[in-house]
PDB file of N, CA and C in Angstrom:
ATOM      1  N   GLU A   1      15.685  -4.115   3.885  1.00  0.00           N
ATOM      2  CA  GLU A   1      14.627  -3.808   3.345  1.00  0.00           C
ATOM      3  C   GLU A   1      13.410  -3.938   4.747  1.00  0.00           C
ATOM      4  N   GLN A   2      13.841  -4.767   5.284  1.00  0.00           N
ATOM      5  CA  GLN A   2      12.712  -4.435   6.734  1.00  0.00           C
ATOM      6  C   GLN A   2      12.513  -2.886   7.223  1.00  0.00           C
ATOM      7  N   ASP A   3      13.817  -2.963   7.346  1.00  0.00           N
ATOM      8  CA  ASP A   3      13.797  -1.184   7.928  1.00  0.00           C
ATOM      9  C   ASP A   3      13.291  -0.046   6.678  1.00  0.00           C
ATOM     10  N   CYS A   4      13.666  -0.437   5.670  1.00  0.00           N
ATOM     11  CA  CYS A   4      12.665   0.630   4.659  1.00  0.00           C
ATOM     12  C   CYS A   4      11.206   0.308   4.679  1.00  0.00           C
ATOM     13  N   LEU A   5      10.744  -0.646   5.055  1.00  0.00           N
ATOM     14  CA  LEU A   5       9.647  -1.012   5.084  1.00  0.00           C
ATOM     15  C   LEU A   5       8.809  -0.495   6.123  1.00  0.00           C
ATOM     16  N   ARG A   6       9.558  -0.534   7.222  1.00  0.00           N
ATOM     17  CA  ARG A   6       8.714  -0.034   8.569  1.00  0.00           C
ATOM     18  C   ARG A   6       8.659   1.680   8.421  1.00  0.00           C
ATOM     19  N   GLY A   7       9.631   2.117   7.529  1.00  0.00           N
ATOM     20  CA  GLY A   7       9.935   3.755   7.694  1.00  0.00           C
ATOM     21  C   GLY A   7       8.916   3.853   6.357  1.00  0.00           C
ATOM     22  N   ILE A   8       8.848   3.513   5.447  1.00  0.00           N
ATOM     23  CA  ILE A   8       7.747   3.854   4.236  1.00  0.00           C
ATOM     24  C   ILE A   8       6.445   3.505   4.938  1.00  0.00           C
ATOM     25  N   LEU A   9       6.164   2.668   5.658  1.00  0.00           N
ATOM     26  CA  LEU A   9       4.496   2.210   6.114  1.00  0.00           C
ATOM     27  C   LEU A   9       4.459   3.444   7.400  1.00  0.00           C
ATOM     28  N   LYS A  10       5.330   3.809   7.961  1.00  0.00           N
ATOM     29  CA  LYS A  10       4.873   4.822   9.229  1.00  0.00           C
ATOM     30  C   LYS A  10       5.008   5.878   8.243  1.00  0.00           C
ATOM     31  N   ASN A  11       5.249   6.364   7.311  1.00  0.00           N
ATOM     32  CA  ASN A  11       5.216   7.625   6.342  1.00  0.00           C
ATOM     33  C   ASN A  11       3.803   7.553   5.436  1.00  0.00           C
ATOM     34  N   LEU A  12       3.447   6.624   5.486  1.00  0.00           N
ATOM     35  CA  LEU A  12       2.341   6.334   4.711  1.00  0.00           C
ATOM     36  C   LEU A  12       1.076   7.286   5.148  1.00  0.00           C
ATOM     37  N   PRO A  13       0.402   7.852   4.594  1.00  0.00           N
ATOM     38  CA  PRO A  13      -0.441   9.022   5.244  1.00  0.00           C
ATOM     39  C   PRO A  13      -1.380   8.244   5.318  1.00  0.00           C
ATOM     40  N   LYS A  14      -2.192   8.074   6.813  1.00  0.00           N
ATOM     41  CA  LYS A  14      -3.262   7.527   7.238  1.00  0.00           C
ATOM     42  C   LYS A  14      -4.370   7.222   6.383  1.00  0.00           C
ATOM     43  N   LYS A  15      -4.668   7.532   5.683  1.00  0.00           N
ATOM     44  CA  LYS A  15      -5.955   7.343   4.372  1.00  0.00           C
ATOM     45  C   LYS A  15      -5.424   6.453   3.862  1.00  0.00           C
ATOM     46  N   TYR A  16      -4.364   6.266   3.293  1.00  0.00           N
ATOM     47  CA  TYR A  16      -3.899   5.023   2.422  1.00  0.00           C
ATOM     48  C   TYR A  16      -3.533   3.667   3.393  1.00  0.00           C
ATOM     49  N   ARG A  17      -2.765   4.228   4.476  1.00  0.00           N
ATOM     50  CA  ARG A  17      -2.404   3.354   5.625  1.00  0.00           C
ATOM     51  C   ARG A  17      -3.494   2.522   6.239  1.00  0.00           C
ATOM     52  N   ASN A  18      -4.506   2.783   6.570  1.00  0.00           N
ATOM     53  CA  ASN A  18      -5.595   2.036   6.937  1.00  0.00           C
ATOM     54  C   ASN A  18      -6.316   1.113   6.105  1.00  0.00           C
ATOM     55  N   PRO A  19      -6.477   1.817   5.163  1.00  0.00           N
ATOM     56  CA  PRO A  19      -7.386   0.773   4.025  1.00  0.00           C
ATOM     57  C   PRO A  19      -6.373   0.014   3.600  1.00  0.00           C
ATOM     58  N   LEU A  20      -5.352   0.236   3.897  1.00  0.00           N
ATOM     59  CA  LEU A  20      -3.983  -1.165   3.221  1.00  0.00           C
ATOM     60  C   LEU A  20      -4.170  -2.161   4.402  1.00  0.00           C
ATOM     61  N   PHE A  21      -3.699  -1.699   5.750  1.00  0.00           N
ATOM     62  CA  PHE A  21      -3.596  -2.809   6.796  1.00  0.00           C
ATOM     63  C   PHE A  21      -5.088  -3.604   6.587  1.00  0.00           C
ATOM     64  N   LEU A  22      -6.378  -2.916   6.770  1.00  0.00           N
ATOM     65  CA  LEU A  22      -7.279  -3.402   6.913  1.00  0.00           C
ATOM     66  C   LEU A  22      -7.351  -4.693   5.749  1.00  0.00           C
ATOM     67  N   SER A  23      -6.893  -4.461   4.872  1.00  0.00           N
ATOM     68  CA  SER A  23      -6.797  -5.709   3.384  1.00  0.00           C
ATOM     69  C   SER A  23      -6.226  -6.496   3.417  1.00  0.00           C
ATOM     70  N   ASP A  24      -4.893  -5.938   3.433  1.00  0.00           N
ATOM     71  CA  ASP A  24      -3.515  -6.650   3.553  1.00  0.00           C
ATOM     72  C   ASP A  24      -3.149  -7.376   4.327  1.00  0.00           C
ATOM     73  N   ILE A  25      -3.066  -6.527   5.591  1.00  0.00           N
ATOM     74  CA  ILE A  25      -2.370  -7.350   6.796  1.00  0.00           C
ATOM     75  C   ILE A  25      -3.814  -8.119   7.130  1.00  0.00           C
ATOM     76  N   LYS A  26      -5.332  -7.386   7.710  1.00  0.00           N
ATOM     77  CA  LYS A  26      -5.991  -8.078   8.604  1.00  0.00           C
ATOM     78  C   LYS A  26      -6.975  -9.442   7.545  1.00  0.00           C
ATOM     79  N   GLY A  27      -6.792  -9.203   6.273  1.00  0.00           N
ATOM     80  CA  GLY A  27      -7.327  -9.991   5.196  1.00  0.00           C
ATOM     81  C   GLY A  27      -9.001  -9.631   5.004  1.00  0.00           C
ATOM     82  N   LEU A  28      -9.351  -8.314   5.618  1.00  0.00           N
ATOM     83  CA  LEU A  28     -10.614  -8.011   5.053  1.00  0.00           C
ATOM     84  C   LEU A  28     -10.753  -8.309   3.635  1.00  0.00           C
ATOM     85  N   LYS A  29     -12.019  -8.362   3.055  1.00  0.00           N
ATOM     86  CA  LYS A  29     -12.484  -8.181   1.491  1.00  0.00           C
ATOM     87  C   LYS A  29     -12.513  -6.277   1.650  1.00  0.00           C
ATOM     88  N   GLN A  30     -12.307  -5.960   0.269  1.00  0.00           N
ATOM     89  CA  GLN A  30     -12.470  -4.574   0.226  1.00  0.00           C
ATOM     90  C   GLN A  30     -13.631  -3.853   0.379  1.00  0.00           C
ATOM     91  N   LYS A  31     -14.838  -4.844   0.239  1.00  0.00           N
ATOM     92  CA  LYS A  31     -15.988  -4.060   0.683  1.00  0.00           C
ATOM     93  C   LYS A  31     -16.426  -3.882   2.089  1.00  0.00           C
ATOM     94  N   GLU A  32     -15.683  -5.133   3.119  1.00  0.00           N
ATOM     95  CA  GLU A  32     -15.531  -4.543   4.122  1.00  0.00           C
ATOM     96  C   GLU A  32     -14.649  -3.765   4.867  1.00  0.00           C
ATOM     97  N   VAL A  33     -13.759  -3.340   3.882  1.00  0.00           N
ATOM     98  CA  VAL A  33     -12.610  -2.295   4.480  1.00  0.00           C
ATOM     99  C   VAL A  33     -13.970  -0.805   4.452  1.00  0.00           C
ATOM    100  N   ALA A  34     -14.273  -1.014   3.055  1.00  0.00           N
ATOM    101  CA  ALA A  34     -15.197   0.287   2.604  1.00  0.00           C
ATOM    102  C   ALA A  34     -16.285   0.610   3.440  1.00  0.00           C
ATOM    103  N   ASN A  35     -17.204  -0.750   4.274  1.00  0.00           N
ATOM    104  CA  ASN A  35     -18.044  -0.475   5.075  1.00  0.00           C
ATOM    105  C   ASN A  35     -17.461  -0.162   6.729  1.00  0.00           C
ATOM    106  N   GLN A  36     -16.337  -0.649   6.880  1.00  0.00           N
ATOM    107  CA  GLN A  36     -15.513  -0.545   8.326  1.00  0.00           C
ATOM    108  C   GLN A  36     -14.961   1.224   8.327  1.00  0.00           C
ATOM    109  N   LEU A  37     -14.915   1.629   6.993  1.00  0.00           N
ATOM    110  CA  LEU A  37     -14.340   3.328   7.272  1.00  0.00           C
ATOM    111  C   LEU A  37     -15.561   4.148   6.667  1.00  0.00           C
ATOM    112  N   LYS A  38     -16.466   3.398   6.597  1.00  0.00           N
ATOM    113  CA  LYS A  38     -17.820   4.183   5.836  1.00  0.00           C
ATOM    114  C   LYS A  38     -17.580   5.326   4.968  1.00  0.00           C
ATOM    115  N   GLN A  39     -17.001   4.239   3.583  1.00  0.00           N
ATOM    116  CA  GLN A  39     -16.349   5.123   2.560  1.00  0.00           C
ATOM    117  C   GLN A  39     -16.489   4.574   1.565  1.00  0.00           C
ATOM    118  N   SER A  40     -16.831   4.878   0.239  1.00  0.00           N
ATOM    119  CA  SER A  40     -17.320   4.223  -0.798  1.00  0.00           C
ATOM    120  C   SER A  40     -16.223   3.039  -1.346  1.00  0.00           C
ATOM    121  N   LEU A  41     -16.728   2.240  -2.109  1.00  0.00           N
ATOM    122  CA  LEU A  41     -15.740   0.867  -2.216  1.00  0.00           C
ATOM    123  C   LEU A  41     -14.597   1.472  -3.296  1.00  0.00           C
ATOM    124  N   PRO A  42     -15.487   2.028  -4.260  1.00  0.00           N
ATOM    125  CA  PRO A  42     -14.352   2.762  -5.439  1.00  0.00           C
ATOM    126  C   PRO A  42     -12.808   3.604  -4.535  1.00  0.00           C
ATOM    127  N   THR A  43     -13.475   4.641  -3.327  1.00  0.00           N
ATOM    128  CA  THR A  43     -12.760   5.302  -2.779  1.00  0.00           C
ATOM    129  C   THR A  43     -11.930   4.324  -2.315  1.00  0.00           C
ATOM    130  N   THR A  44     -12.331   3.324  -1.529  1.00  0.00           N
ATOM    131  CA  THR A  44     -11.298   2.006  -0.794  1.00  0.00           C
ATOM    132  C   THR A  44     -10.669   1.801  -1.705  1.00  0.00           C
ATOM    133  N   LYS A  45     -10.757   1.290  -2.719  1.00  0.00           N
ATOM    134  CA  LYS A  45     -10.158   0.501  -3.719  1.00  0.00           C
ATOM    135  C   LYS A  45      -8.895   1.223  -4.429  1.00  0.00           C
ATOM    136  N   SER A  46      -9.376   2.704  -4.537  1.00  0.00           N
ATOM    137  CA  SER A  46      -8.320   3.477  -5.054  1.00  0.00           C
ATOM    138  C   SER A  46      -7.289   3.724  -4.155  1.00  0.00           C
ATOM    139  N   GLN A  47      -7.467   3.821  -2.776  1.00  0.00           N
ATOM    140  CA  GLN A  47      -6.621   4.051  -1.438  1.00  0.00           C
ATOM    141  C   GLN A  47      -5.776   3.033  -1.208  1.00  0.00           C
ATOM    142  N   ILE A  48      -6.280   1.775  -1.681  1.00  0.00           N
ATOM    143  CA  ILE A  48      -5.253   0.601  -1.171  1.00  0.00           C
ATOM    144  C   ILE A  48      -4.345   0.475  -2.423  1.00  0.00           C
ATOM    145  N   GLN A  49      -4.984   0.819  -3.689  1.00  0.00           N
ATOM    146  CA  GLN A  49      -3.874   0.860  -4.977  1.00  0.00           C
ATOM    147  C   GLN A  49      -2.652   1.676  -4.898  1.00  0.00           C
ATOM    148  N   ARG A  50      -3.142   3.177  -4.269  1.00  0.00           N
ATOM    149  CA  ARG A  50      -2.388   4.437  -4.260  1.00  0.00           C
ATOM    150  C   ARG A  50      -1.264   3.918  -3.064  1.00  0.00           C
ATOM    151  N   ALA A  51      -1.804   3.258  -2.242  1.00  0.00           N
ATOM    152  CA  ALA A  51      -0.854   2.970  -1.034  1.00  0.00           C
ATOM    153  C   ALA A  51       0.723   1.893  -1.480  1.00  0.00           C
ATOM    154  N   ARG A  52      -0.174   0.838  -2.102  1.00  0.00           N
ATOM    155  CA  ARG A  52       0.936   0.084  -2.649  1.00  0.00           C
ATOM    156  C   ARG A  52       1.768   0.647  -3.825  1.00  0.00           C
ATOM    157  N   LYS A  53       1.277   1.326  -4.893  1.00  0.00           N
ATOM    158  CA  LYS A  53       1.949   2.215  -5.166  1.00  0.00           C
ATOM    159  C   LYS A  53       3.287   2.832  -5.010  1.00  0.00           C
ATOM    160  N   LEU A  54       2.676   3.409  -3.208  1.00  0.00           N
ATOM    161  CA  LEU A  54       3.787   4.694  -2.585  1.00  0.00           C
ATOM    162  C   LEU A  54       4.745   3.803  -1.956  1.00  0.00           C
ATOM    163  N   ILE A  55       4.043   2.494  -1.786  1.00  0.00           N
ATOM    164  CA  ILE A  55       5.220   1.595  -1.082  1.00  0.00           C
ATOM    165  C   ILE A  55       6.164   1.004  -2.037  1.00  0.00           C
ATOM    166  N   ALA A  56       5.767   0.717  -3.278  1.00  0.00           N
ATOM    167  CA  ALA A  56       6.494   0.382  -4.174  1.00  0.00           C
ATOM    168  C   ALA A  56       7.969   1.431  -4.721  1.00  0.00           C
ATOM    169  N   GLU A  57       7.337   2.306  -4.317  1.00  0.00           N
ATOM    170  CA  GLU A  57       7.990   3.942  -5.018  1.00  0.00           C
ATOM    171  C   GLU A  57       9.128   3.968  -3.745  1.00  0.00           C
ATOM    172  N   GLY A  58       8.904   3.925  -2.597  1.00  0.00           N
ATOM    173  CA  GLY A  58       9.304   3.703  -1.278  1.00  0.00           C
ATOM    174  C   GLY A  58      10.885   3.049  -1.411  1.00  0.00           C
ATOM    175  N   PHE A  59      10.189   1.399  -1.959  1.00  0.00           N
ATOM    176  CA  PHE A  59      11.285   0.842  -1.947  1.00  0.00           C
ATOM    177  C   PHE A  59      12.111   1.037  -2.864  1.00  0.00           C
ATOM    178  N   MET A  60      11.751   1.709  -4.364  1.00  0.00           N
ATOM    179  CA  MET A  60      13.063   1.800  -5.165  1.00  0.00           C
ATOM    180  C   MET A  60      13.806   3.294  -4.631  1.00  0.00           C
ATOM    181  N   GLU A  61      12.960   3.982  -4.013  1.00  0.00           N
ATOM    182  CA  GLU A  61      14.119   5.003  -3.480  1.00  0.00           C
ATOM    183  C   GLU A  61      15.146   4.622  -2.223  1.00  0.00           C
ATOM    184  N   CYS A  62      14.261   3.983  -1.345  1.00  0.00           N
ATOM    185  CA  CYS A  62      15.249   3.912  -0.462  1.00  0.00           C
ATOM    186  C   CYS A  62      16.740   2.297  -0.451  1.00  0.00           C
ATOM    187  N   CYS A  63      15.898   1.143  -0.881  1.00  0.00           N
ATOM    188  CA  CYS A  63      16.772   0.151  -0.858  1.00  0.00           C
ATOM    189  C   CYS A  63      17.174  -0.073  -2.761  1.00  0.00           C
ATOM    190  N   GLY A  64      16.939   1.007  -3.550  1.00  0.00           N
ATOM    191  CA  GLY A  64      17.716   1.102  -4.928  1.00  0.00           C
ATOM    192  C   GLY A  64      16.784  -0.152  -5.870  1.00  0.00           C
ATOM    193  N   PHE A  65      15.728  -0.480  -5.245  1.00  0.00           N
ATOM    194  CA  PHE A  65      15.308  -1.520  -6.351  1.00  0.00           C
ATOM    195  C   PHE A  65      14.614  -0.487  -7.607  1.00  0.00           C
ATOM    196  N   VAL A  66      14.886  -1.787  -8.991  1.00  0.00           N
ATOM    197  CA  VAL A  66      14.169  -1.055  -9.938  1.00  0.00           C
ATOM    198  C   VAL A  66      13.379  -2.356 -10.297  1.00  0.00           C
ATOM    199  N   LEU A  67      11.897  -1.455 -10.987  1.00  0.00           N
ATOM    200  CA  LEU A  67      11.123  -2.862 -11.809  1.00  0.00           C
ATOM    201  C   LEU A  67      11.484  -2.496 -13.286  1.00  0.00           C
ATOM    202  N   ASN A  68      11.133  -3.721 -13.527  1.00  0.00           N
ATOM    203  CA  ASN A  68      10.931  -4.080 -15.278  1.00  0.00           C
ATOM    204  C   ASN A  68       9.509  -3.280 -15.880  1.00  0.00           C
ATOM    205  N   GLN A  69       9.332  -3.599 -16.692  1.00  0.00           N
ATOM    206  CA  GLN A  69       8.019  -2.960 -17.427  1.00  0.00           C
ATOM    207  C   GLN A  69       6.899  -3.535 -16.943  1.00  0.00           C
ATOM    208  N   LYS A  70       6.646  -5.301 -16.115  1.00  0.00           N
ATOM    209  CA  LYS A  70       5.770  -5.722 -15.613  1.00  0.00           C
ATOM    210  C   LYS A  70       5.795  -5.584 -14.085  1.00  0.00           C
ATOM    211  N   GLY A  71       6.641  -4.768 -13.846  1.00  0.00           N
ATOM    212  CA  GLY A  71       6.359  -4.405 -12.365  1.00  0.00           C
ATOM    213  C   GLY A  71       7.069  -5.443 -11.041  1.00  0.00           C
ATOM    214  N   LYS A  72       7.970  -6.108 -12.046  1.00  0.00           N
ATOM    215  CA  LYS A  72       8.410  -6.810 -11.356  1.00  0.00           C
ATOM    216  C   LYS A  72       9.910  -6.585 -10.973  1.00  0.00           C
ATOM    217  N   LYS A  73      10.574  -6.912  -9.860  1.00  0.00           N
ATOM    218  CA  LYS A  73      11.950  -6.695  -9.330  1.00  0.00           C
ATOM    219  C   LYS A  73      12.905  -7.177 -10.030  1.00  0.00           C
ATOM    220  N   MET A  74      13.625  -6.034 -10.624  1.00  0.00           N
ATOM    221  CA  MET A  74      14.759  -6.539 -11.091  1.00  0.00           C
ATOM    222  C   MET A  74      15.958  -6.779 -10.359  1.00  0.00           C
ATOM    223  N   LEU A  75      16.818  -7.451 -10.442  1.00  0.00           N
ATOM    224  CA  LEU A  75      18.250  -7.750  -9.670  1.00  0.00           C
ATOM    225  C   LEU A  75      19.366  -7.114 -10.227  1.00  0.00           C
TER     226      LEU A  75
END
């Protein structure tokens, strides 16, 4: 799983990786991320959500994870 995650994050487009990093890793509020990146809050929110979706899709492809209807990993 760690190898999958590294590859997925490395391959995320920069426009998604940067907001995700600032929000989810550094812990900034999305408004702070938007200000730091000099873009609108809706754009920032959209980019973070898209990054999370791409990560989930990457895990499904790389590791064979399957999500249920609620978006939770099925064993």
